[in-house]
C-alpha atoms as a PDB file:
ATOM      1  CA  MET A   1       4.138  50.861  41.020  1.00  0.00           C
ATOM      2  CA  ASN A   2       2.054  48.767  43.426  1.00  0.00           C
ATOM      3  CA  LYS A   3      -0.920  51.081  43.072  1.00  0.00           C
ATOM      4  CA  ILE A   4      -0.850  50.903  39.250  1.00  0.00           C
ATOM      5  CA  LEU A   5      -0.568  47.122  39.348  1.00  0.00           C
ATOM      6  CA  LEU A   6      -3.428  46.872  41.834  1.00  0.00           C
ATOM      7  CA  ILE A   7      -5.627  49.010  39.565  1.00  0.00           C
ATOM      8  CA  ALA A   8      -4.702  46.795  36.610  1.00  0.00           C
ATOM      9  CA  VAL A   9      -5.607  43.653  38.593  1.00  0.00           C
ATOM     10  CA  LEU A  10      -8.966  45.112  39.603  1.00  0.00           C
ATOM     11  CA  ALA A  11      -9.709  46.238  36.035  1.00  0.00           C
ATOM     12  CA  VAL A  12      -8.959  42.788  34.616  1.00  0.00           C
ATOM     13  CA  MET A  13     -11.074  41.142  37.307  1.00  0.00           C
ATOM     14  CA  LEU A  14     -13.955  43.461  36.448  1.00  0.00           C
ATOM     15  CA  GLY A  15     -13.463  42.519  32.796  1.00  0.00           C
ATOM     16  CA  VAL A  16     -13.752  38.841  33.724  1.00  0.00           C
ATOM     17  CA  VAL A  17     -17.068  39.472  35.475  1.00  0.00           C
ATOM     18  CA  ILE A  18     -18.426  41.475  32.518  1.00  0.00           C
ATOM     19  CA  VAL A  19     -17.390  38.863  29.948  1.00  0.00           C
ATOM     20  CA  LEU A  20     -18.818  36.089  32.146  1.00  0.00           C
ATOM     21  CA  ALA A  21     -22.153  37.883  32.394  1.00  0.00           C
ATOM     22  CA  LYS A  22     -22.286  38.480  28.635  1.00  0.00           C
ATOM     23  CA  GLY A  23     -21.406  34.846  27.958  1.00  0.00           C
ATOM     24  CA  ILE A  24     -24.099  33.559  30.278  1.00  0.00           C
ATOM     25  CA  GLY A  25     -26.590  35.984  28.766  1.00  0.00           C
ATOM     26  CA  SER A  26     -25.889  34.841  25.229  1.00  0.00           C
ATOM     27  CA  PHE A  27     -26.013  31.210  26.338  1.00  0.00           C
ATOM     28  CA  GLY A  28     -29.533  31.776  27.649  1.00  0.00           C
ATOM     29  CA  LYS A  29     -30.746  33.107  24.284  1.00  0.00           C
ATOM     30  CA  GLY A  30     -30.237  29.753  22.607  1.00  0.00           C
ATOM     31  CA  GLY A  31     -29.855  29.010  18.929  1.00  0.00           C
ATOM     32  CA  ALA A  32     -26.703  28.527  16.894  1.00  0.00           C
ATOM     33  CA  GLU A  33     -25.698  32.194  16.988  1.00  0.00           C
ATOM     34  CA  GLY A  34     -26.189  32.392  20.756  1.00  0.00           C
ATOM     35  CA  ALA A  35     -24.089  29.280  21.293  1.00  0.00           C
ATOM     36  CA  ARG A  36     -21.334  30.620  19.041  1.00  0.00           C
ATOM     37  CA  LYS A  37     -21.273  33.971  20.864  1.00  0.00           C
ATOM     38  CA  SER A  38     -21.355  32.259  24.254  1.00  0.00           C
ATOM     39  CA  ASN A  39     -18.408  30.070  23.281  1.00  0.00           C
ATOM     40  CA  ARG A  40     -16.449  33.123  22.113  1.00  0.00           C
ATOM     41  CA  MET A  41     -17.203  34.951  25.367  1.00  0.00           C
ATOM     42  CA  MET A  42     -16.062  31.987  27.446  1.00  0.00           C
ATOM     43  CA  TRP A  43     -12.733  31.889  25.567  1.00  0.00           C
ATOM     44  CA  TRP A  44     -12.306  35.598  26.326  1.00  0.00           C
ATOM     45  CA  ARG A  45     -13.074  34.854  29.975  1.00  0.00           C
ATOM     46  CA  ILE A  46     -10.389  32.172  30.119  1.00  0.00           C
ATOM     47  CA  GLY A  47      -7.845  34.572  28.635  1.00  0.00           C
ATOM     48  CA  LEU A  48      -8.760  37.356  31.037  1.00  0.00           C
ATOM     49  CA  GLN A  49      -8.633  34.998  34.005  1.00  0.00           C
ATOM     50  CA  THR A  50      -5.158  33.871  32.967  1.00  0.00           C
ATOM     51  CA  LEU A  51      -4.069  37.497  32.742  1.00  0.00           C
ATOM     52  CA  ALA A  52      -5.623  38.246  36.147  1.00  0.00           C
ATOM     53  CA  VAL A  53      -3.800  35.334  37.799  1.00  0.00           C
ATOM     54  CA  ALA A  54      -0.498  36.430  36.257  1.00  0.00           C
ATOM     55  CA  LEU A  55      -0.995  40.022  37.423  1.00  0.00           C
ATOM     56  CA  ILE A  56      -1.943  38.874  40.927  1.00  0.00           C
ATOM     57  CA  PHE A  57       1.191  36.722  41.052  1.00  0.00           C
ATOM     58  CA  ILE A  58       3.347  39.690  39.972  1.00  0.00           C
ATOM     59  CA  PHE A  59       1.585  41.968  42.478  1.00  0.00           C
ATOM     60  CA  VAL A  60       2.134  39.555  45.371  1.00  0.00           C
ATOM     61  CA  THR A  61       5.764  39.031  44.375  1.00  0.00           C
ATOM     62  CA  ILE A  62       6.483  42.750  44.212  1.00  0.00           C
ATOM     63  CA  ALA A  63       4.525  43.538  47.386  1.00  0.00           C
ATOM     64  CA  GLY A  64       6.367  40.798  49.277  1.00  0.00           C
ATOM     65  CA  LYS A  65       9.751  42.348  48.446  1.00  0.00           C
ATOM     66  CA  GLY A  66       8.720  45.806  49.659  1.00  0.00           C
END
């Protein structure tokens, strides 16, 4: 169980980095469409970071009991 949860945490953290990079990239393009896409990517980043923190909390809680 711990190994699966650790893989999930790492996958979500990688997703955060990818979405952050895409958001910064679209921000650099400029224009209304770039700003809209950048804003959307940053909202995705916030959601993924929330999920990552929750998974890390669960992982630490489970690992501490074992």
